[in-house]
Full PDB file with SEQRES, HELIX, SHEET, SSBOND, CRYST1, ORIGX, SCALE, CONECT and MASTER records, all heavy atoms in Angstrom:
SEQRES   1 A   37  ARG HIS LEU GLY HIS GLY PRO GLY ASP PHE PRO VAL ALA          
SEQRES   2 A   37  GLU ARG LEU SER ARG GLU CYS LEU ALA LEU PRO LEU HIS          
SEQRES   3 A   37  PRO GLU LEU PRO ALA GLY THR VAL GLU ARG VAL                  
HELIX    1 AA1 PRO A   11  GLU A   19  1                                   9    
HELIX    2 AA2 THR A   33  ARG A   36  1                                   4    
CRYST1    1.000    1.000    1.000  90.00  90.00  90.00 P 1           1          
ORIGX1      1.000000  0.000000  0.000000        0.00000                         
ORIGX2      0.000000  1.000000  0.000000        0.00000                         
ORIGX3      0.000000  0.000000  1.000000        0.00000                         
SCALE1      1.000000  0.000000  0.000000        0.00000                         
SCALE2      0.000000  1.000000  0.000000        0.00000                         
SCALE3      0.000000  0.000000  1.000000        0.00000                         
ATOM      1  N   ARG A   1     -24.075 135.240 -42.571  1.00  0.00           N  
ATOM      2  CA  ARG A   1     -24.333 136.665 -42.356  1.00  0.00           C  
ATOM      3  C   ARG A   1     -23.401 137.244 -41.282  1.00  0.00           C  
ATOM      4  O   ARG A   1     -23.009 138.415 -41.344  1.00  0.00           O  
ATOM      5  CB  ARG A   1     -25.798 136.867 -41.955  1.00  0.00           C  
ATOM      6  CG  ARG A   1     -26.222 138.327 -41.853  1.00  0.00           C  
ATOM      7  CD  ARG A   1     -27.688 138.456 -41.452  1.00  0.00           C  
ATOM      8  NE  ARG A   1     -28.591 137.957 -42.481  1.00  0.00           N  
ATOM      9  CZ  ARG A   1     -29.366 136.891 -42.352  1.00  0.00           C  
ATOM     10  NH1 ARG A   1     -29.333 136.178 -41.231  1.00  0.00           N  
ATOM     11  NH2 ARG A   1     -30.159 136.514 -43.330  1.00  0.00           N  
ATOM     12  N   HIS A   2     -23.060 136.417 -40.308  1.00  0.00           N  
ATOM     13  CA  HIS A   2     -22.229 136.884 -39.196  1.00  0.00           C  
ATOM     14  C   HIS A   2     -20.828 137.322 -39.639  1.00  0.00           C  
ATOM     15  O   HIS A   2     -20.131 138.033 -38.894  1.00  0.00           O  
ATOM     16  CB  HIS A   2     -22.101 135.789 -38.128  1.00  0.00           C  
ATOM     17  CG  HIS A   2     -21.379 134.566 -38.608  1.00  0.00           C  
ATOM     18  ND1 HIS A   2     -21.968 133.633 -39.440  1.00  0.00           N  
ATOM     19  CD2 HIS A   2     -20.116 134.119 -38.372  1.00  0.00           C  
ATOM     20  CE1 HIS A   2     -21.104 132.666 -39.697  1.00  0.00           C  
ATOM     21  NE2 HIS A   2     -19.972 132.935 -39.064  1.00  0.00           N  
ATOM     22  N   LEU A   3     -20.418 136.928 -40.837  1.00  0.00           N  
ATOM     23  CA  LEU A   3     -19.096 137.324 -41.320  1.00  0.00           C  
ATOM     24  C   LEU A   3     -19.069 138.755 -41.844  1.00  0.00           C  
ATOM     25  O   LEU A   3     -18.003 139.307 -42.096  1.00  0.00           O  
ATOM     26  CB  LEU A   3     -18.628 136.356 -42.412  1.00  0.00           C  
ATOM     27  CG  LEU A   3     -18.407 134.904 -41.956  1.00  0.00           C  
ATOM     28  CD1 LEU A   3     -18.055 134.019 -43.139  1.00  0.00           C  
ATOM     29  CD2 LEU A   3     -17.327 134.825 -40.885  1.00  0.00           C  
ATOM     30  N   GLY A   4     -20.260 139.337 -42.031  1.00  0.00           N  
ATOM     31  CA  GLY A   4     -20.342 140.759 -42.353  1.00  0.00           C  
ATOM     32  C   GLY A   4     -20.154 141.133 -43.800  1.00  0.00           C  
ATOM     33  O   GLY A   4     -19.900 142.302 -44.106  1.00  0.00           O  
ATOM     34  N   HIS A   5     -20.302 140.197 -44.705  1.00  0.00           N  
ATOM     35  CA  HIS A   5     -20.128 140.513 -46.123  1.00  0.00           C  
ATOM     36  C   HIS A   5     -21.408 141.077 -46.722  1.00  0.00           C  
ATOM     37  O   HIS A   5     -22.510 140.872 -46.205  1.00  0.00           O  
ATOM     38  CB  HIS A   5     -19.715 139.264 -46.902  1.00  0.00           C  
ATOM     39  CG  HIS A   5     -18.364 138.754 -46.534  1.00  0.00           C  
ATOM     40  ND1 HIS A   5     -17.217 139.488 -46.733  1.00  0.00           N  
ATOM     41  CD2 HIS A   5     -17.972 137.581 -45.960  1.00  0.00           C  
ATOM     42  CE1 HIS A   5     -16.173 138.786 -46.317  1.00  0.00           C  
ATOM     43  NE2 HIS A   5     -16.602 137.634 -45.837  1.00  0.00           N  
ATOM     44  N   GLY A   6     -21.243 141.770 -47.840  1.00  0.00           N  
ATOM     45  CA  GLY A   6     -22.387 142.320 -48.549  1.00  0.00           C  
ATOM     46  C   GLY A   6     -22.189 142.239 -50.036  1.00  0.00           C  
ATOM     47  O   GLY A   6     -21.111 141.857 -50.529  1.00  0.00           O  
ATOM     48  N   PRO A   7     -23.217 142.611 -50.809  1.00  0.00           N  
ATOM     49  CA  PRO A   7     -23.098 142.599 -52.269  1.00  0.00           C  
ATOM     50  C   PRO A   7     -21.923 143.453 -52.732  1.00  0.00           C  
ATOM     51  O   PRO A   7     -21.665 144.532 -52.194  1.00  0.00           O  
ATOM     52  CB  PRO A   7     -24.435 143.197 -52.723  1.00  0.00           C  
ATOM     53  CG  PRO A   7     -25.383 142.898 -51.610  1.00  0.00           C  
ATOM     54  CD  PRO A   7     -24.561 143.011 -50.356  1.00  0.00           C  
ATOM     55  N   GLY A   8     -21.202 142.929 -53.706  1.00  0.00           N  
ATOM     56  CA  GLY A   8     -20.049 143.641 -54.243  1.00  0.00           C  
ATOM     57  C   GLY A   8     -18.727 143.228 -53.643  1.00  0.00           C  
ATOM     58  O   GLY A   8     -17.665 143.587 -54.170  1.00  0.00           O  
ATOM     59  N   ASP A   9     -18.752 142.463 -52.544  1.00  0.00           N  
ATOM     60  CA  ASP A   9     -17.487 142.071 -51.909  1.00  0.00           C  
ATOM     61  C   ASP A   9     -16.682 141.113 -52.783  1.00  0.00           C  
ATOM     62  O   ASP A   9     -15.444 141.188 -52.808  1.00  0.00           O  
ATOM     63  CB  ASP A   9     -17.759 141.427 -50.550  1.00  0.00           C  
ATOM     64  CG  ASP A   9     -18.121 142.443 -49.486  1.00  0.00           C  
ATOM     65  OD1 ASP A   9     -18.144 143.651 -49.800  1.00  0.00           O  
ATOM     66  OD2 ASP A   9     -18.386 142.035 -48.336  1.00  0.00           O  
ATOM     67  N   PHE A  10     -17.360 140.207 -53.473  1.00  0.00           N  
ATOM     68  CA  PHE A  10     -16.687 139.243 -54.344  1.00  0.00           C  
ATOM     69  C   PHE A  10     -17.411 139.248 -55.684  1.00  0.00           C  
ATOM     70  O   PHE A  10     -18.258 138.392 -55.972  1.00  0.00           O  
ATOM     71  CB  PHE A  10     -16.685 137.850 -53.699  1.00  0.00           C  
ATOM     72  CG  PHE A  10     -16.022 137.834 -52.344  1.00  0.00           C  
ATOM     73  CD1 PHE A  10     -16.785 137.829 -51.186  1.00  0.00           C  
ATOM     74  CD2 PHE A  10     -14.641 137.882 -52.234  1.00  0.00           C  
ATOM     75  CE1 PHE A  10     -16.184 137.843 -49.939  1.00  0.00           C  
ATOM     76  CE2 PHE A  10     -14.026 137.890 -50.987  1.00  0.00           C  
ATOM     77  CZ  PHE A  10     -14.797 137.875 -49.836  1.00  0.00           C  
ATOM     78  N   PRO A  11     -17.088 140.208 -56.529  1.00  0.00           N  
ATOM     79  CA  PRO A  11     -17.887 140.460 -57.732  1.00  0.00           C  
ATOM     80  C   PRO A  11     -17.895 139.314 -58.741  1.00  0.00           C  
ATOM     81  O   PRO A  11     -18.899 139.105 -59.419  1.00  0.00           O  
ATOM     82  CB  PRO A  11     -17.249 141.717 -58.325  1.00  0.00           C  
ATOM     83  CG  PRO A  11     -15.911 141.833 -57.690  1.00  0.00           C  
ATOM     84  CD  PRO A  11     -16.035 141.216 -56.335  1.00  0.00           C  
ATOM     85  N   VAL A  12     -16.804 138.582 -58.854  1.00  0.00           N  
ATOM     86  CA  VAL A  12     -16.797 137.479 -59.815  1.00  0.00           C  
ATOM     87  C   VAL A  12     -17.737 136.372 -59.358  1.00  0.00           C  
ATOM     88  O   VAL A  12     -18.524 135.832 -60.152  1.00  0.00           O  
ATOM     89  CB  VAL A  12     -15.373 136.942 -60.029  1.00  0.00           C  
ATOM     90  CG1 VAL A  12     -15.405 135.729 -60.968  1.00  0.00           C  
ATOM     91  CG2 VAL A  12     -14.471 138.018 -60.599  1.00  0.00           C  
ATOM     92  N   ALA A  13     -17.678 136.034 -58.069  1.00  0.00           N  
ATOM     93  CA  ALA A  13     -18.585 135.016 -57.539  1.00  0.00           C  
ATOM     94  C   ALA A  13     -20.035 135.424 -57.755  1.00  0.00           C  
ATOM     95  O   ALA A  13     -20.889 134.601 -58.120  1.00  0.00           O  
ATOM     96  CB  ALA A  13     -18.309 134.790 -56.056  1.00  0.00           C  
ATOM     97  N   GLU A  14     -20.332 136.695 -57.554  1.00  0.00           N  
ATOM     98  CA  GLU A  14     -21.698 137.178 -57.728  1.00  0.00           C  
ATOM     99  C   GLU A  14     -22.115 137.125 -59.198  1.00  0.00           C  
ATOM    100  O   GLU A  14     -23.256 136.759 -59.524  1.00  0.00           O  
ATOM    101  CB  GLU A  14     -21.821 138.589 -57.166  1.00  0.00           C  
ATOM    102  CG  GLU A  14     -21.655 138.625 -55.649  1.00  0.00           C  
ATOM    103  CD  GLU A  14     -21.517 140.028 -55.077  1.00  0.00           C  
ATOM    104  OE1 GLU A  14     -22.167 140.951 -55.620  1.00  0.00           O  
ATOM    105  OE2 GLU A  14     -20.753 140.200 -54.112  1.00  0.00           O  
ATOM    106  N   ARG A  15     -21.199 137.448 -60.096  1.00  0.00           N  
ATOM    107  CA  ARG A  15     -21.519 137.383 -61.521  1.00  0.00           C  
ATOM    108  C   ARG A  15     -21.777 135.937 -61.956  1.00  0.00           C  
ATOM    109  O   ARG A  15     -22.722 135.658 -62.711  1.00  0.00           O  
ATOM    110  CB  ARG A  15     -20.378 137.988 -62.335  1.00  0.00           C  
ATOM    111  CG  ARG A  15     -20.645 137.992 -63.833  1.00  0.00           C  
ATOM    112  CD  ARG A  15     -19.481 138.585 -64.609  1.00  0.00           C  
ATOM    113  NE  ARG A  15     -19.734 138.528 -66.051  1.00  0.00           N  
ATOM    114  CZ  ARG A  15     -18.849 138.857 -66.981  1.00  0.00           C  
ATOM    115  NH1 ARG A  15     -17.633 139.285 -66.608  1.00  0.00           N  
ATOM    116  NH2 ARG A  15     -19.155 138.767 -68.250  1.00  0.00           N  
ATOM    117  N   LEU A  16     -20.955 135.020 -61.481  1.00  0.00           N  
ATOM    118  CA  LEU A  16     -21.155 133.618 -61.825  1.00  0.00           C  
ATOM    119  C   LEU A  16     -22.508 133.120 -61.329  1.00  0.00           C  
ATOM    120  O   LEU A  16     -23.180 132.330 -62.008  1.00  0.00           O  
ATOM    121  CB  LEU A  16     -20.029 132.768 -61.242  1.00  0.00           C  
ATOM    122  CG  LEU A  16     -18.652 132.946 -61.886  1.00  0.00           C  
ATOM    123  CD1 LEU A  16     -17.586 132.219 -61.075  1.00  0.00           C  
ATOM    124  CD2 LEU A  16     -18.649 132.450 -63.326  1.00  0.00           C  
ATOM    125  N   SER A  17     -22.925 133.566 -60.166  1.00  0.00           N  
ATOM    126  CA  SER A  17     -24.217 133.152 -59.637  1.00  0.00           C  
ATOM    127  C   SER A  17     -25.375 133.641 -60.499  1.00  0.00           C  
ATOM    128  O   SER A  17     -26.455 133.044 -60.490  1.00  0.00           O  
ATOM    129  CB  SER A  17     -24.393 133.671 -58.203  1.00  0.00           C  
ATOM    130  OG  SER A  17     -23.508 133.021 -57.318  1.00  0.00           O  
ATOM    131  N   ARG A  18     -25.149 134.708 -61.240  1.00  0.00           N  
ATOM    132  CA  ARG A  18     -26.183 135.233 -62.137  1.00  0.00           C  
ATOM    133  C   ARG A  18     -26.159 134.562 -63.514  1.00  0.00           C  
ATOM    134  O   ARG A  18     -27.158 134.575 -64.220  1.00  0.00           O  
ATOM    135  CB  ARG A  18     -26.019 136.744 -62.327  1.00  0.00           C  
ATOM    136  CG  ARG A  18     -26.249 137.575 -61.084  1.00  0.00           C  
ATOM    137  CD  ARG A  18     -26.311 139.062 -61.420  1.00  0.00           C  
ATOM    138  NE  ARG A  18     -25.081 139.566 -62.021  1.00  0.00           N  
ATOM    139  CZ  ARG A  18     -24.067 140.103 -61.331  1.00  0.00           C  
ATOM    140  NH1 ARG A  18     -24.149 140.173 -60.002  1.00  0.00           N  
ATOM    141  NH2 ARG A  18     -22.986 140.553 -61.944  1.00  0.00           N  
ATOM    142  N   GLU A  19     -25.006 133.990 -63.896  1.00  0.00           N  
ATOM    143  CA  GLU A  19     -24.837 133.529 -65.273  1.00  0.00           C  
ATOM    144  C   GLU A  19     -24.714 132.019 -65.446  1.00  0.00           C  
ATOM    145  O   GLU A  19     -24.993 131.502 -66.535  1.00  0.00           O  
ATOM    146  CB  GLU A  19     -23.595 134.182 -65.884  1.00  0.00           C  
ATOM    147  CG  GLU A  19     -23.676 135.696 -66.003  1.00  0.00           C  
ATOM    148  CD  GLU A  19     -22.423 136.288 -66.630  1.00  0.00           C  
ATOM    149  OE1 GLU A  19     -21.496 135.506 -66.958  1.00  0.00           O  
ATOM    150  OE2 GLU A  19     -22.361 137.525 -66.779  1.00  0.00           O  
ATOM    151  N   CYS A  20     -24.294 131.287 -64.423  1.00  0.00           N  
ATOM    152  CA  CYS A  20     -24.003 129.865 -64.596  1.00  0.00           C  
ATOM    153  C   CYS A  20     -25.271 129.043 -64.810  1.00  0.00           C  
ATOM    154  O   CYS A  20     -26.256 129.199 -64.085  1.00  0.00           O  
ATOM    155  CB  CYS A  20     -23.240 129.328 -63.390  1.00  0.00           C  
ATOM    156  SG  CYS A  20     -21.473 129.719 -63.424  1.00  0.00           S  
ATOM    157  N   LEU A  21     -25.206 128.159 -65.782  1.00  0.00           N  
ATOM    158  CA  LEU A  21     -26.319 127.264 -66.071  1.00  0.00           C  
ATOM    159  C   LEU A  21     -25.753 125.907 -66.464  1.00  0.00           C  
ATOM    160  O   LEU A  21     -24.917 125.806 -67.368  1.00  0.00           O  
ATOM    161  CB  LEU A  21     -27.182 127.818 -67.205  1.00  0.00           C  
ATOM    162  CG  LEU A  21     -28.451 127.008 -67.524  1.00  0.00           C  
ATOM    163  CD1 LEU A  21     -29.448 127.103 -66.375  1.00  0.00           C  
ATOM    164  CD2 LEU A  21     -29.085 127.505 -68.822  1.00  0.00           C  
ATOM    165  N   ALA A  22     -26.229 124.854 -65.796  1.00  0.00           N  
ATOM    166  CA  ALA A  22     -25.774 123.492 -66.072  1.00  0.00           C  
ATOM    167  C   ALA A  22     -26.738 122.813 -67.031  1.00  0.00           C  
ATOM    168  O   ALA A  22     -27.950 122.760 -66.780  1.00  0.00           O  
ATOM    169  CB  ALA A  22     -25.662 122.698 -64.778  1.00  0.00           C  
ATOM    170  N   LEU A  23     -26.197 122.280 -68.121  1.00  0.00           N  
ATOM    171  CA  LEU A  23     -26.981 121.586 -69.132  1.00  0.00           C  
ATOM    172  C   LEU A  23     -26.891 120.075 -68.919  1.00  0.00           C  
ATOM    173  O   LEU A  23     -25.922 119.581 -68.340  1.00  0.00           O  
ATOM    174  CB  LEU A  23     -26.461 121.944 -70.528  1.00  0.00           C  
ATOM    175  CG  LEU A  23     -26.355 123.440 -70.847  1.00  0.00           C  
ATOM    176  CD1 LEU A  23     -25.824 123.640 -72.259  1.00  0.00           C  
ATOM    177  CD2 LEU A  23     -27.694 124.148 -70.670  1.00  0.00           C  
ATOM    178  N   PRO A  24     -27.880 119.331 -69.366  1.00  0.00           N  
ATOM    179  CA  PRO A  24     -27.855 117.874 -69.143  1.00  0.00           C  
ATOM    180  C   PRO A  24     -26.611 117.230 -69.742  1.00  0.00           C  
ATOM    181  O   PRO A  24     -26.274 117.467 -70.907  1.00  0.00           O  
ATOM    182  CB  PRO A  24     -29.127 117.388 -69.853  1.00  0.00           C  
ATOM    183  CG  PRO A  24     -30.032 118.579 -69.886  1.00  0.00           C  
ATOM    184  CD  PRO A  24     -29.112 119.766 -70.048  1.00  0.00           C  
ATOM    185  N   LEU A  25     -25.926 116.427 -68.935  1.00  0.00           N  
ATOM    186  CA  LEU A  25     -24.748 115.692 -69.401  1.00  0.00           C  
ATOM    187  C   LEU A  25     -24.512 114.508 -68.477  1.00  0.00           C  
ATOM    188  O   LEU A  25     -24.328 114.686 -67.274  1.00  0.00           O  
ATOM    189  CB  LEU A  25     -23.506 116.590 -69.452  1.00  0.00           C  
ATOM    190  CG  LEU A  25     -22.227 115.931 -69.996  1.00  0.00           C  
ATOM    191  CD1 LEU A  25     -21.352 116.959 -70.712  1.00  0.00           C  
ATOM    192  CD2 LEU A  25     -21.407 115.267 -68.884  1.00  0.00           C  
ATOM    193  N   HIS A  26     -24.544 113.326 -69.043  1.00  0.00           N  
ATOM    194  CA  HIS A  26     -24.140 112.103 -68.346  1.00  0.00           C  
ATOM    195  C   HIS A  26     -23.875 111.047 -69.412  1.00  0.00           C  
ATOM    196  O   HIS A  26     -24.310 111.192 -70.566  1.00  0.00           O  
ATOM    197  CB  HIS A  26     -25.204 111.648 -67.338  1.00  0.00           C  
ATOM    198  CG  HIS A  26     -26.563 111.429 -67.925  1.00  0.00           C  
ATOM    199  ND1 HIS A  26     -26.910 110.288 -68.610  1.00  0.00           N  
ATOM    200  CD2 HIS A  26     -27.671 112.218 -67.946  1.00  0.00           C  
ATOM    201  CE1 HIS A  26     -28.164 110.365 -69.007  1.00  0.00           C  
ATOM    202  NE2 HIS A  26     -28.650 111.530 -68.620  1.00  0.00           N  
ATOM    203  N   PRO A  27     -23.140 109.977 -69.081  1.00  0.00           N  
ATOM    204  CA  PRO A  27     -22.704 109.039 -70.120  1.00  0.00           C  
ATOM    205  C   PRO A  27     -23.841 108.351 -70.866  1.00  0.00           C  
ATOM    206  O   PRO A  27     -23.646 107.915 -72.007  1.00  0.00           O  
ATOM    207  CB  PRO A  27     -21.868 108.020 -69.334  1.00  0.00           C  
ATOM    208  CG  PRO A  27     -21.378 108.760 -68.144  1.00  0.00           C  
ATOM    209  CD  PRO A  27     -22.494 109.699 -67.784  1.00  0.00           C  
ATOM    210  N   GLU A  28     -25.006 108.256 -70.250  1.00  0.00           N  
ATOM    211  CA  GLU A  28     -26.124 107.563 -70.891  1.00  0.00           C  
ATOM    212  C   GLU A  28     -27.065 108.518 -71.614  1.00  0.00           C  
ATOM    213  O   GLU A  28     -28.176 108.143 -71.987  1.00  0.00           O  
ATOM    214  CB  GLU A  28     -26.898 106.755 -69.843  1.00  0.00           C  
ATOM    215  CG  GLU A  28     -26.092 105.657 -69.176  1.00  0.00           C  
ATOM    216  CD  GLU A  28     -25.149 106.148 -68.091  1.00  0.00           C  
ATOM    217  OE1 GLU A  28     -25.321 107.308 -67.618  1.00  0.00           O  
ATOM    218  OE2 GLU A  28     -24.241 105.397 -67.705  1.00  0.00           O  
ATOM    219  N   LEU A  29     -26.637 109.753 -71.835  1.00  0.00           N  
ATOM    220  CA  LEU A  29     -27.479 110.739 -72.508  1.00  0.00           C  
ATOM    221  C   LEU A  29     -27.880 110.213 -73.892  1.00  0.00           C  
ATOM    222  O   LEU A  29     -27.032 109.817 -74.690  1.00  0.00           O  
ATOM    223  CB  LEU A  29     -26.712 112.052 -72.649  1.00  0.00           C  
ATOM    224  CG  LEU A  29     -27.523 113.339 -72.822  1.00  0.00           C  
ATOM    225  CD1 LEU A  29     -28.314 113.662 -71.568  1.00  0.00           C  
ATOM    226  CD2 LEU A  29     -26.590 114.497 -73.165  1.00  0.00           C  
ATOM    227  N   PRO A  30     -29.177 110.182 -74.206  1.00  0.00           N  
ATOM    228  CA  PRO A  30     -29.606 109.631 -75.497  1.00  0.00           C  
ATOM    229  C   PRO A  30     -28.997 110.392 -76.677  1.00  0.00           C  
ATOM    230  O   PRO A  30     -28.770 111.608 -76.608  1.00  0.00           O  
ATOM    231  CB  PRO A  30     -31.131 109.797 -75.455  1.00  0.00           C  
ATOM    232  CG  PRO A  30     -31.473 109.823 -73.996  1.00  0.00           C  
ATOM    233  CD  PRO A  30     -30.326 110.532 -73.342  1.00  0.00           C  
ATOM    234  N   ALA A  31     -28.745 109.682 -77.751  1.00  0.00           N  
ATOM    235  CA  ALA A  31     -28.195 110.293 -78.962  1.00  0.00           C  
ATOM    236  C   ALA A  31     -29.104 111.414 -79.443  1.00  0.00           C  
ATOM    237  O   ALA A  31     -30.337 111.298 -79.406  1.00  0.00           O  
ATOM    238  CB  ALA A  31     -28.038 109.243 -80.046  1.00  0.00           C  
ATOM    239  N   GLY A  32     -28.493 112.501 -79.882  1.00  0.00           N  
ATOM    240  CA  GLY A  32     -29.239 113.641 -80.387  1.00  0.00           C  
ATOM    241  C   GLY A  32     -29.633 114.660 -79.340  1.00  0.00           C  
ATOM    242  O   GLY A  32     -30.109 115.751 -79.691  1.00  0.00           O  
ATOM    243  N   THR A  33     -29.408 114.349 -78.059  1.00  0.00           N  
ATOM    244  CA  THR A  33     -29.833 115.267 -76.999  1.00  0.00           C  
ATOM    245  C   THR A  33     -29.032 116.559 -77.030  1.00  0.00           C  
ATOM    246  O   THR A  33     -29.590 117.652 -76.900  1.00  0.00           O  
ATOM    247  CB  THR A  33     -29.706 114.602 -75.620  1.00  0.00           C  
ATOM    248  OG1 THR A  33     -30.507 113.420 -75.591  1.00  0.00           O  
ATOM    249  CG2 THR A  33     -30.180 115.554 -74.519  1.00  0.00           C  
ATOM    250  N   VAL A  34     -27.724 116.458 -77.187  1.00  0.00           N  
ATOM    251  CA  VAL A  34     -26.889 117.662 -77.200  1.00  0.00           C  
ATOM    252  C   VAL A  34     -27.314 118.579 -78.341  1.00  0.00           C  
ATOM    253  O   VAL A  34     -27.459 119.805 -78.165  1.00  0.00           O  
ATOM    254  CB  VAL A  34     -25.396 117.292 -77.318  1.00  0.00           C  
ATOM    255  CG1 VAL A  34     -24.554 118.546 -77.545  1.00  0.00           C  
ATOM    256  CG2 VAL A  34     -24.934 116.564 -76.066  1.00  0.00           C  
ATOM    257  N   GLU A  35     -27.540 118.014 -79.519  1.00  0.00           N  
ATOM    258  CA  GLU A  35     -27.974 118.822 -80.657  1.00  0.00           C  
ATOM    259  C   GLU A  35     -29.298 119.525 -80.361  1.00  0.00           C  
ATOM    260  O   GLU A  35     -29.470 120.702 -80.709  1.00  0.00           O  
ATOM    261  CB  GLU A  35     -28.119 117.940 -81.900  1.00  0.00           C  
ATOM    262  CG  GLU A  35     -26.809 117.401 -82.448  1.00  0.00           C  
ATOM    263  CD  GLU A  35     -26.430 116.060 -81.841  1.00  0.00           C  
ATOM    264  OE1 GLU A  35     -26.935 115.723 -80.733  1.00  0.00           O  
ATOM    265  OE2 GLU A  35     -25.626 115.346 -82.459  1.00  0.00           O  
ATOM    266  N   ARG A  36     -30.203 118.799 -79.738  1.00  0.00           N  
ATOM    267  CA  ARG A  36     -31.510 119.398 -79.434  1.00  0.00           C  
ATOM    268  C   ARG A  36     -31.372 120.546 -78.444  1.00  0.00           C  
ATOM    269  O   ARG A  36     -31.961 121.612 -78.613  1.00  0.00           O  
ATOM    270  CB  ARG A  36     -32.445 118.335 -78.871  1.00  0.00           C  
ATOM    271  CG  ARG A  36     -33.817 118.894 -78.480  1.00  0.00           C  
ATOM    272  CD  ARG A  36     -34.689 117.855 -77.828  1.00  0.00           C  
ATOM    273  NE  ARG A  36     -35.855 118.488 -77.216  1.00  0.00           N  
ATOM    274  CZ  ARG A  36     -36.679 117.858 -76.403  1.00  0.00           C  
ATOM    275  NH1 ARG A  36     -36.496 116.586 -76.105  1.00  0.00           N  
ATOM    276  NH2 ARG A  36     -37.706 118.505 -75.866  1.00  0.00           N  
ATOM    277  N   VAL A  37     -30.585 120.343 -77.384  1.00  0.00           N  
ATOM    278  CA  VAL A  37     -30.416 121.389 -76.376  1.00  0.00           C  
ATOM    279  C   VAL A  37     -29.790 122.631 -77.002  1.00  0.00           C  
ATOM    280  O   VAL A  37     -30.241 123.767 -76.789  1.00  0.00           O  
ATOM    281  CB  VAL A  37     -29.562 120.873 -75.195  1.00  0.00           C  
ATOM    282  CG1 VAL A  37     -29.224 122.010 -74.239  1.00  0.00           C  
ATOM    283  CG2 VAL A  37     -30.292 119.747 -74.455  1.00  0.00           C  
TER     284      VAL A  37                                                      
MASTER        0    0    0    2    0    0    0    6  283    1    0    3          
END                                                                             
């Protein structure tokens, strides 16, 4: 907060924070999981 920034200063970063979603992914993911998700 001490840096003095506010909403709208970095619009792409703010948009990504509203839209990004991580889906399950790792090498041992059971078969069929990606299709189900």
